[in-house]
Protein backbone atom coordinates (compact mmCIF):
# COMPACT_ATOMS: atom_id res chain seq x y z
CA MET A 1 0.14 0.24 0.08
CA LYS A 2 1.30 3.03 -0.91
CA ASN A 3 0.77 6.06 1.47
CA PRO A 4 -1.81 8.93 0.36
CA ARG A 5 -0.32 12.43 -0.63
CA ASP A 6 -1.30 15.94 0.43
CA PHE A 7 -1.71 18.73 -1.96
CA MET A 8 2.04 19.43 -2.07
CA ASN A 9 2.63 15.67 -3.42
CA ARG A 10 4.46 15.15 -0.03
CA GLU A 11 3.75 11.42 1.70
CA ILE A 12 1.18 11.99 4.52
CA THR A 13 2.33 8.95 7.53
CA GLU A 14 1.21 8.56 10.91
CA GLY A 15 2.18 11.06 13.60
CA VAL A 16 2.00 13.97 10.73
CA ILE A 17 -0.48 17.37 11.36
CA LEU A 18 -2.60 18.12 8.52
CA VAL A 19 -4.98 21.15 8.06
CA TYR A 20 -8.12 20.50 5.45
CA PRO A 21 -10.62 22.73 4.43
CA VAL A 22 -14.08 22.74 6.10
CA ARG A 23 -17.03 24.37 4.67
CA ARG A 24 -20.78 25.25 6.26
CA MET A 25 -22.97 27.28 4.10
CA SER A 26 -21.18 30.17 2.59
CA ALA A 27 -18.15 30.19 5.25
CA MET A 28 -15.01 28.22 5.17
CA TRP A 29 -11.95 27.45 7.25
CA LEU A 30 -9.41 25.11 7.97
CA LYS A 31 -8.96 22.71 10.45
CA LYS A 32 -6.06 20.88 11.74
CA ILE A 33 -5.91 17.14 12.45
CA THR A 34 -2.98 14.74 13.93
CA VAL A 35 -2.68 11.33 11.99
CA LYS A 36 -3.49 8.36 14.04
CA ARG A 37 -3.68 5.84 10.95
CA ILE A 38 -3.87 5.28 7.17
CA VAL A 39 -6.74 2.35 5.88
CA GLU A 40 -6.97 1.24 2.93
CA THR A 41 -10.23 -0.74 1.75
CA THR A 42 -12.07 -1.77 -1.36
CA ASP A 43 -15.17 0.39 -2.36
CA GLN A 44 -18.23 -2.01 -2.58
CA LYS A 45 -19.68 -0.14 -5.68
CA THR A 46 -16.64 0.39 -7.88
CA GLY A 47 -14.47 -2.38 -6.41
CA ARG A 48 -11.74 0.01 -6.26
CA PRO A 49 -8.87 0.48 -3.71
CA THR A 50 -9.84 3.88 -1.43
CA GLN A 51 -7.75 5.02 1.71
CA TYR A 52 -8.97 6.74 4.60
CA ILE A 53 -7.06 9.06 6.61
CA ILE A 54 -8.11 8.67 10.42
CA GLY A 55 -6.75 11.21 13.02
CA THR A 56 -7.97 13.20 15.92
CA ASN A 57 -8.66 17.14 16.11
CA ASP A 58 -7.65 19.02 19.22
CA ASN A 59 -10.33 18.04 21.21
CA GLY A 60 -9.72 14.45 20.81
CA ARG A 61 -12.65 13.57 18.32
CA ARG A 62 -12.02 11.16 15.61
CA ILE A 63 -11.88 12.66 12.16
CA THR A 64 -11.94 10.69 8.86
CA LEU A 65 -10.77 12.10 5.90
CA THR A 66 -11.55 10.70 2.36
CA LYS A 67 -10.00 13.18 -0.05
CA ALA A 68 -5.89 13.51 0.60
CA ASP A 69 -5.19 15.88 -2.18
CA ARG A 70 -7.08 18.34 -0.50
CA CYS A 71 -4.83 18.32 3.00
CA VAL A 72 -1.62 20.13 3.69
CA ILE A 73 1.08 18.59 6.15
CA VAL A 74 2.00 21.52 8.56
CA GLY A 75 4.01 19.79 11.05
CA VAL A 76 5.52 16.17 11.93
């Protein structure tokens, strides 16, 4: 399994800090998570492999990201 890559084409690994865009109605902002693990599964409908980035935010809440190319690594 190849690790996903961020917007700047850097490899996302466990332990890095990512920011990702959030949109609610017309408001947009960035949120930060710490990556805990990367999971690869097979999509039931298409049969293609899909990668999920699982991490926690500052409050300890679990966050799952599906679009790695929309994230940016900001720290290790």
